[in-house]
Amino acid sequence: MTASEKIPAWIISCLEQYGNCACGYRITKKLGKEGLLETLEDLGYPCELEIIGDAKDGEELPEDGTYILTVHKPSAPAKDED
């Protein structure tokens, strides 16, 4: 399965249009946090993943949490001062 087949088209569309996307528990659980971020980076969307929710009993991914992907903005090149 290629990277583009792992990520639903609606996630890519939201990232392109808005720069962020609420992706949900199921896709995050399926790929794992690092797998999701690596796959998106391979597709040209370096992102951060913020998980909002209460994890229970050491659970890393709360089922009722909110999973928000945010594309890293390229930093502006520093201007040289003479």
N, C-alpha and C. Protein backbone atom coordinates (compact mmCIF):
# COMPACT_ATOMS: atom_id res chain seq x y z
N MET A 1 0.86 -1.18 0.00
CA MET A 1 0.00 0.00 0.00
C MET A 1 0.90 1.24 0.00
N THR A 2 0.64 2.15 -0.93
CA THR A 2 1.44 3.36 -1.02
C THR A 2 1.00 4.38 0.02
N ALA A 3 1.84 5.39 0.22
CA ALA A 3 1.54 6.42 1.22
C ALA A 3 0.21 7.11 0.91
N SER A 4 -0.04 7.40 -0.36
CA SER A 4 -1.28 8.10 -0.71
C SER A 4 -2.51 7.22 -0.51
N GLU A 5 -2.36 5.91 -0.53
CA GLU A 5 -3.48 5.01 -0.28
C GLU A 5 -3.79 4.89 1.21
N LYS A 6 -2.82 5.19 2.07
CA LYS A 6 -3.00 5.09 3.51
C LYS A 6 -3.80 6.25 4.08
N ILE A 7 -3.69 7.41 3.44
CA ILE A 7 -4.33 8.63 3.94
C ILE A 7 -5.55 8.93 3.08
N PRO A 8 -6.73 9.05 3.70
CA PRO A 8 -7.94 9.38 2.92
C PRO A 8 -7.80 10.73 2.21
N ALA A 9 -8.40 10.83 1.03
CA ALA A 9 -8.31 12.05 0.22
C ALA A 9 -8.87 13.26 0.95
N TRP A 10 -9.89 13.07 1.80
CA TRP A 10 -10.48 14.22 2.50
C TRP A 10 -9.50 14.85 3.48
N ILE A 11 -8.59 14.07 4.03
CA ILE A 11 -7.58 14.64 4.93
C ILE A 11 -6.62 15.52 4.14
N ILE A 12 -6.15 15.03 3.00
CA ILE A 12 -5.25 15.81 2.15
C ILE A 12 -5.95 17.09 1.69
N SER A 13 -7.21 16.98 1.31
CA SER A 13 -7.97 18.15 0.86
C SER A 13 -8.07 19.21 1.96
N CYS A 14 -8.36 18.78 3.18
CA CYS A 14 -8.45 19.73 4.31
C CYS A 14 -7.10 20.37 4.60
N LEU A 15 -6.03 19.58 4.56
CA LEU A 15 -4.70 20.13 4.82
C LEU A 15 -4.32 21.16 3.76
N GLU A 16 -4.66 20.88 2.49
CA GLU A 16 -4.35 21.83 1.42
C GLU A 16 -5.19 23.10 1.55
N GLN A 17 -6.47 22.93 1.85
CA GLN A 17 -7.37 24.07 1.88
C GLN A 17 -7.24 24.92 3.14
N TYR A 18 -7.12 24.26 4.30
CA TYR A 18 -7.16 24.98 5.57
C TYR A 18 -5.84 24.95 6.36
N GLY A 19 -4.95 24.02 6.02
CA GLY A 19 -3.70 23.89 6.77
C GLY A 19 -3.85 23.08 8.04
N ASN A 20 -5.06 22.54 8.26
CA ASN A 20 -5.28 21.68 9.41
C ASN A 20 -6.45 20.74 9.12
N CYS A 21 -6.60 19.73 9.98
CA CYS A 21 -7.66 18.76 9.76
C CYS A 21 -7.89 17.98 11.04
N ALA A 22 -9.14 17.76 11.40
CA ALA A 22 -9.48 16.86 12.50
C ALA A 22 -9.59 15.47 11.89
N CYS A 23 -8.60 14.62 12.16
CA CYS A 23 -8.52 13.35 11.43
C CYS A 23 -9.21 12.19 12.14
N GLY A 24 -9.35 12.23 13.44
CA GLY A 24 -10.07 11.18 14.13
C GLY A 24 -9.22 10.05 14.67
N TYR A 25 -9.82 9.30 15.56
CA TYR A 25 -9.17 8.21 16.28
C TYR A 25 -8.81 7.05 15.36
N ARG A 26 -9.73 6.65 14.48
CA ARG A 26 -9.53 5.42 13.70
C ARG A 26 -8.31 5.49 12.80
N ILE A 27 -8.14 6.58 12.07
CA ILE A 27 -6.97 6.69 11.18
C ILE A 27 -5.69 6.79 11.99
N THR A 28 -5.73 7.47 13.12
CA THR A 28 -4.55 7.59 13.97
C THR A 28 -4.19 6.24 14.57
N LYS A 29 -5.17 5.49 15.02
CA LYS A 29 -4.95 4.16 15.59
C LYS A 29 -4.41 3.20 14.53
N LYS A 30 -4.98 3.28 13.32
CA LYS A 30 -4.59 2.38 12.23
C LYS A 30 -3.12 2.55 11.87
N LEU A 31 -2.67 3.79 11.73
CA LEU A 31 -1.29 4.05 11.31
C LEU A 31 -0.33 4.29 12.47
N GLY A 32 -0.87 4.59 13.66
CA GLY A 32 -0.03 5.00 14.78
C GLY A 32 0.34 6.46 14.62
N LYS A 33 0.61 7.12 15.72
CA LYS A 33 0.94 8.56 15.65
C LYS A 33 2.13 8.82 14.73
N GLU A 34 3.22 8.12 14.97
CA GLU A 34 4.43 8.34 14.18
C GLU A 34 4.22 7.92 12.72
N GLY A 35 3.52 6.81 12.51
CA GLY A 35 3.25 6.36 11.14
C GLY A 35 2.42 7.36 10.36
N LEU A 36 1.43 7.94 11.02
CA LEU A 36 0.58 8.95 10.39
C LEU A 36 1.41 10.17 10.00
N LEU A 37 2.22 10.65 10.94
CA LEU A 37 3.04 11.84 10.67
C LEU A 37 4.09 11.58 9.60
N GLU A 38 4.71 10.40 9.62
CA GLU A 38 5.71 10.06 8.61
C GLU A 38 5.09 9.93 7.23
N THR A 39 3.91 9.32 7.16
CA THR A 39 3.22 9.15 5.88
C THR A 39 2.85 10.51 5.30
N LEU A 40 2.33 11.40 6.13
CA LEU A 40 1.97 12.73 5.65
C LEU A 40 3.22 13.50 5.20
N GLU A 41 4.30 13.36 5.93
CA GLU A 41 5.54 14.03 5.53
C GLU A 41 6.03 13.50 4.19
N ASP A 42 5.93 12.19 3.98
CA ASP A 42 6.31 11.59 2.70
C ASP A 42 5.48 12.16 1.55
N LEU A 43 4.24 12.53 1.85
CA LEU A 43 3.35 13.11 0.84
C LEU A 43 3.54 14.62 0.68
N GLY A 44 4.45 15.20 1.46
CA GLY A 44 4.73 16.62 1.36
C GLY A 44 3.94 17.49 2.33
N TYR A 45 3.40 16.87 3.38
CA TYR A 45 2.63 17.59 4.38
C TYR A 45 3.22 17.34 5.77
N PRO A 46 4.34 18.00 6.10
CA PRO A 46 4.89 17.83 7.44
C PRO A 46 3.93 18.43 8.46
N CYS A 47 3.47 17.62 9.39
CA CYS A 47 2.43 18.05 10.32
C CYS A 47 2.81 17.79 11.77
N GLU A 48 2.06 18.47 12.64
CA GLU A 48 2.04 18.17 14.07
C GLU A 48 0.69 17.52 14.33
N LEU A 49 0.64 16.65 15.34
CA LEU A 49 -0.61 16.04 15.74
C LEU A 49 -0.89 16.42 17.18
N GLU A 50 -2.01 17.07 17.41
CA GLU A 50 -2.44 17.42 18.76
C GLU A 50 -3.62 16.54 19.13
N ILE A 51 -3.54 15.92 20.29
CA ILE A 51 -4.62 15.06 20.76
C ILE A 51 -5.23 15.72 21.98
N ILE A 52 -6.51 16.02 21.88
CA ILE A 52 -7.23 16.64 22.98
C ILE A 52 -8.21 15.61 23.53
N GLY A 53 -8.04 15.24 24.77
CA GLY A 53 -8.92 14.25 25.38
C GLY A 53 -8.25 13.63 26.59
N ASP A 54 -9.04 12.95 27.37
CA ASP A 54 -8.54 12.31 28.58
C ASP A 54 -8.20 10.85 28.30
N ALA A 55 -6.91 10.53 28.38
CA ALA A 55 -6.48 9.14 28.23
C ALA A 55 -6.77 8.40 29.53
N LYS A 56 -7.23 7.16 29.40
CA LYS A 56 -7.57 6.35 30.56
C LYS A 56 -6.56 5.23 30.72
N ASP A 57 -6.14 4.99 31.94
CA ASP A 57 -5.26 3.86 32.28
C ASP A 57 -4.05 3.74 31.34
N GLY A 58 -3.34 4.85 31.16
CA GLY A 58 -2.12 4.82 30.37
C GLY A 58 -2.35 4.68 28.87
N GLU A 59 -3.58 4.80 28.43
CA GLU A 59 -3.89 4.68 27.01
C GLU A 59 -3.33 5.91 26.29
N GLU A 60 -2.61 5.66 25.22
CA GLU A 60 -1.97 6.75 24.49
C GLU A 60 -2.95 7.50 23.59
N LEU A 61 -3.92 6.79 23.04
CA LEU A 61 -4.87 7.36 22.11
C LEU A 61 -6.30 7.23 22.64
N PRO A 62 -6.83 8.26 23.28
CA PRO A 62 -8.20 8.17 23.80
C PRO A 62 -9.22 8.08 22.66
N GLU A 63 -10.12 7.11 22.75
CA GLU A 63 -11.12 6.92 21.70
C GLU A 63 -12.02 8.12 21.51
N ASP A 64 -12.32 8.81 22.59
CA ASP A 64 -13.22 9.96 22.49
C ASP A 64 -12.46 11.28 22.35
N GLY A 65 -11.18 11.20 22.00
CA GLY A 65 -10.37 12.41 21.86
C GLY A 65 -10.59 13.09 20.52
N THR A 66 -10.07 14.28 20.41
CA THR A 66 -10.07 15.03 19.16
C THR A 66 -8.64 15.04 18.64
N TYR A 67 -8.46 14.65 17.38
CA TYR A 67 -7.15 14.50 16.77
C TYR A 67 -6.99 15.56 15.69
N ILE A 68 -6.12 16.52 15.92
CA ILE A 68 -5.98 17.65 15.01
C ILE A 68 -4.58 17.65 14.38
N LEU A 69 -4.56 17.57 13.05
CA LEU A 69 -3.32 17.68 12.29
C LEU A 69 -3.16 19.13 11.86
N THR A 70 -1.96 19.66 12.01
CA THR A 70 -1.66 21.02 11.57
C THR A 70 -0.39 20.99 10.75
N VAL A 71 -0.44 21.52 9.54
CA VAL A 71 0.72 21.55 8.66
C VAL A 71 1.73 22.56 9.19
N HIS A 72 3.01 22.15 9.23
CA HIS A 72 4.09 23.08 9.61
C HIS A 72 4.22 24.11 8.51
N LYS A 73 4.24 25.35 8.89
CA LYS A 73 4.48 26.42 7.92
C LYS A 73 5.98 26.54 7.70
N PRO A 74 6.41 26.64 6.44
CA PRO A 74 7.84 26.86 6.22
C PRO A 74 8.24 28.20 6.81
N SER A 75 9.35 28.22 7.52
CA SER A 75 9.79 29.47 8.13
C SER A 75 10.37 30.38 7.05
N ALA A 76 10.16 31.66 7.23
CA ALA A 76 10.67 32.64 6.28
C ALA A 76 12.18 32.69 6.37
N PRO A 77 12.85 32.81 5.24
CA PRO A 77 14.31 32.88 5.28
C PRO A 77 14.75 34.14 6.04
N ALA A 78 15.76 33.98 6.83
CA ALA A 78 16.29 35.12 7.60
C ALA A 78 17.01 36.07 6.65
N LYS A 79 16.77 37.35 6.84
CA LYS A 79 17.44 38.35 6.01
C LYS A 79 18.78 38.70 6.65
N ASP A 80 19.79 38.74 5.79
CA ASP A 80 21.12 39.11 6.28
C ASP A 80 21.17 40.62 6.50
N GLU A 81 21.66 41.01 7.65
CA GLU A 81 21.83 42.43 7.91
C GLU A 81 23.29 42.77 7.73
N ASP A 82 23.54 43.83 6.99
CA ASP A 82 24.93 44.25 6.75
C ASP A 82 25.36 45.29 7.72
